[in-house]
C-alpha atoms as a PDB file:
ATOM      1  CA  MET A   1      12.334  11.167  -3.458  1.00  0.00           C
ATOM      2  CA  SER A   2      10.017   8.193  -3.996  1.00  0.00           C
ATOM      3  CA  GLU A   3      10.305   4.946  -2.088  1.00  0.00           C
ATOM      4  CA  SER A   4       8.595   1.602  -2.565  1.00  0.00           C
ATOM      5  CA  ILE A   5       7.191  -1.101  -0.354  1.00  0.00           C
ATOM      6  CA  GLN A   6       5.773  -4.471  -1.356  1.00  0.00           C
ATOM      7  CA  VAL A   7       2.242  -5.369  -0.274  1.00  0.00           C
ATOM      8  CA  PRO A   8      -0.015  -8.309  -1.150  1.00  0.00           C
ATOM      9  CA  CYS A   9      -3.226  -7.695  -3.050  1.00  0.00           C
ATOM     10  CA  PRO A  10      -6.222  -8.452  -0.768  1.00  0.00           C
ATOM     11  CA  PHE A  11      -8.037  -9.967  -3.776  1.00  0.00           C
ATOM     12  CA  CYS A  12      -5.484 -12.261  -5.494  1.00  0.00           C
ATOM     13  CA  TRP A  13      -2.631 -12.186  -2.912  1.00  0.00           C
ATOM     14  CA  GLN A  14       0.017 -11.318  -5.528  1.00  0.00           C
ATOM     15  CA  ALA A  15       2.816  -8.978  -4.409  1.00  0.00           C
ATOM     16  CA  ASN A  16       2.614  -5.372  -5.617  1.00  0.00           C
ATOM     17  CA  ASP A  17       5.276  -2.674  -5.435  1.00  0.00           C
ATOM     18  CA  ILE A  18       3.684   0.480  -4.059  1.00  0.00           C
ATOM     19  CA  TRP A  19       5.597   3.678  -4.824  1.00  0.00           C
ATOM     20  CA  PHE A  20       5.060   6.638  -2.507  1.00  0.00           C
ATOM     21  CA  ASP A  21       6.607   9.869  -1.309  1.00  0.00           C
ATOM     22  CA  PRO A  22       7.643   9.944   2.370  1.00  0.00           C
ATOM     23  CA  GLU A  23       5.195  12.836   2.883  1.00  0.00           C
ATOM     24  CA  GLU A  24       2.354  10.393   2.113  1.00  0.00           C
ATOM     25  CA  VAL A  25       2.928   8.413   5.336  1.00  0.00           C
ATOM     26  CA  GLY A  26      -0.307   8.599   7.321  1.00  0.00           C
ATOM     27  CA  ASN A  27      -2.445   8.727   4.187  1.00  0.00           C
ATOM     28  CA  VAL A  28      -4.248   6.094   2.141  1.00  0.00           C
ATOM     29  CA  ILE A  29      -2.939   5.438  -1.367  1.00  0.00           C
ATOM     30  CA  VAL A  30      -5.234   3.749  -3.894  1.00  0.00           C
ATOM     31  CA  GLN A  31      -3.471   1.677  -6.539  1.00  0.00           C
ATOM     32  CA  ASP A  32      -4.715  -1.004  -8.918  1.00  0.00           C
ATOM     33  CA  CYS A  33      -3.230  -4.485  -8.533  1.00  0.00           C
ATOM     34  CA  SER A  34      -0.708  -5.231 -11.275  1.00  0.00           C
ATOM     35  CA  THR A  35      -2.122  -8.769 -11.624  1.00  0.00           C
ATOM     36  CA  CYS A  36      -5.918  -8.640 -11.188  1.00  0.00           C
ATOM     37  CA  CYS A  37      -6.455  -4.854 -11.657  1.00  0.00           C
ATOM     38  CA  GLN A  38      -8.626  -4.564  -8.521  1.00  0.00           C
ATOM     39  CA  PRO A  39      -8.178  -1.330  -6.530  1.00  0.00           C
ATOM     40  CA  ILE A  40      -6.113  -1.653  -3.352  1.00  0.00           C
ATOM     41  CA  ASP A  41      -6.280   0.813  -0.440  1.00  0.00           C
ATOM     42  CA  VAL A  42      -2.812   1.009   1.116  1.00  0.00           C
ATOM     43  CA  LYS A  43      -2.452   2.825   4.451  1.00  0.00           C
ATOM     44  CA  LEU A  44       1.112   3.837   5.243  1.00  0.00           C
ATOM     45  CA  SER A  45       2.182   4.453   8.834  1.00  0.00           C
ATOM     46  CA  ILE A  46       5.222   4.322  11.119  1.00  0.00           C
ATOM     47  CA  ASP A  47       5.181   1.841  14.003  1.00  0.00           C
ATOM     48  CA  HIS A  48       6.622   2.276  17.514  1.00  0.00           C
ATOM     49  CA  LEU A  49      10.045   1.071  16.256  1.00  0.00           C
ATOM     50  CA  ASP A  50      10.094   3.741  13.506  1.00  0.00           C
ATOM     51  CA  GLN A  51       9.530   1.089  10.836  1.00  0.00           C
ATOM     52  CA  LEU A  52       7.299   1.734   7.829  1.00  0.00           C
ATOM     53  CA  VAL A  53       4.104  -0.330   7.882  1.00  0.00           C
ATOM     54  CA  ALA A  54       1.777  -0.744   4.897  1.00  0.00           C
ATOM     55  CA  VAL A  55      -1.670  -2.281   5.316  1.00  0.00           C
ATOM     56  CA  ALA A  56      -3.538  -3.266   2.148  1.00  0.00           C
ATOM     57  CA  ASP A  57      -7.316  -3.555   2.216  1.00  0.00           C
ATOM     58  CA  HIS A  58     -10.399  -3.669  -0.004  1.00  0.00           C
ATOM     59  CA  PRO A  59     -11.698  -0.184  -0.789  1.00  0.00           C
ATOM     60  CA  ASP A  60     -14.881   0.865   1.020  1.00  0.00           C
ATOM     61  CA  ASP A  61     -18.049   0.396  -0.976  1.00  0.00           C
END
């Protein structure tokens, strides 16, 4: 079952819905921004309170 989380684009700061499978937590998902089309690296993890955390970053060159 897919879930979504909203993250800001690190290029244009517009919100993006990132869809993922729960098995992808701990991995990096690469998705293009829906506004500026730049690639976004999204790292999904679980914090110490068992909350999902998504960190968006520029892809490595």
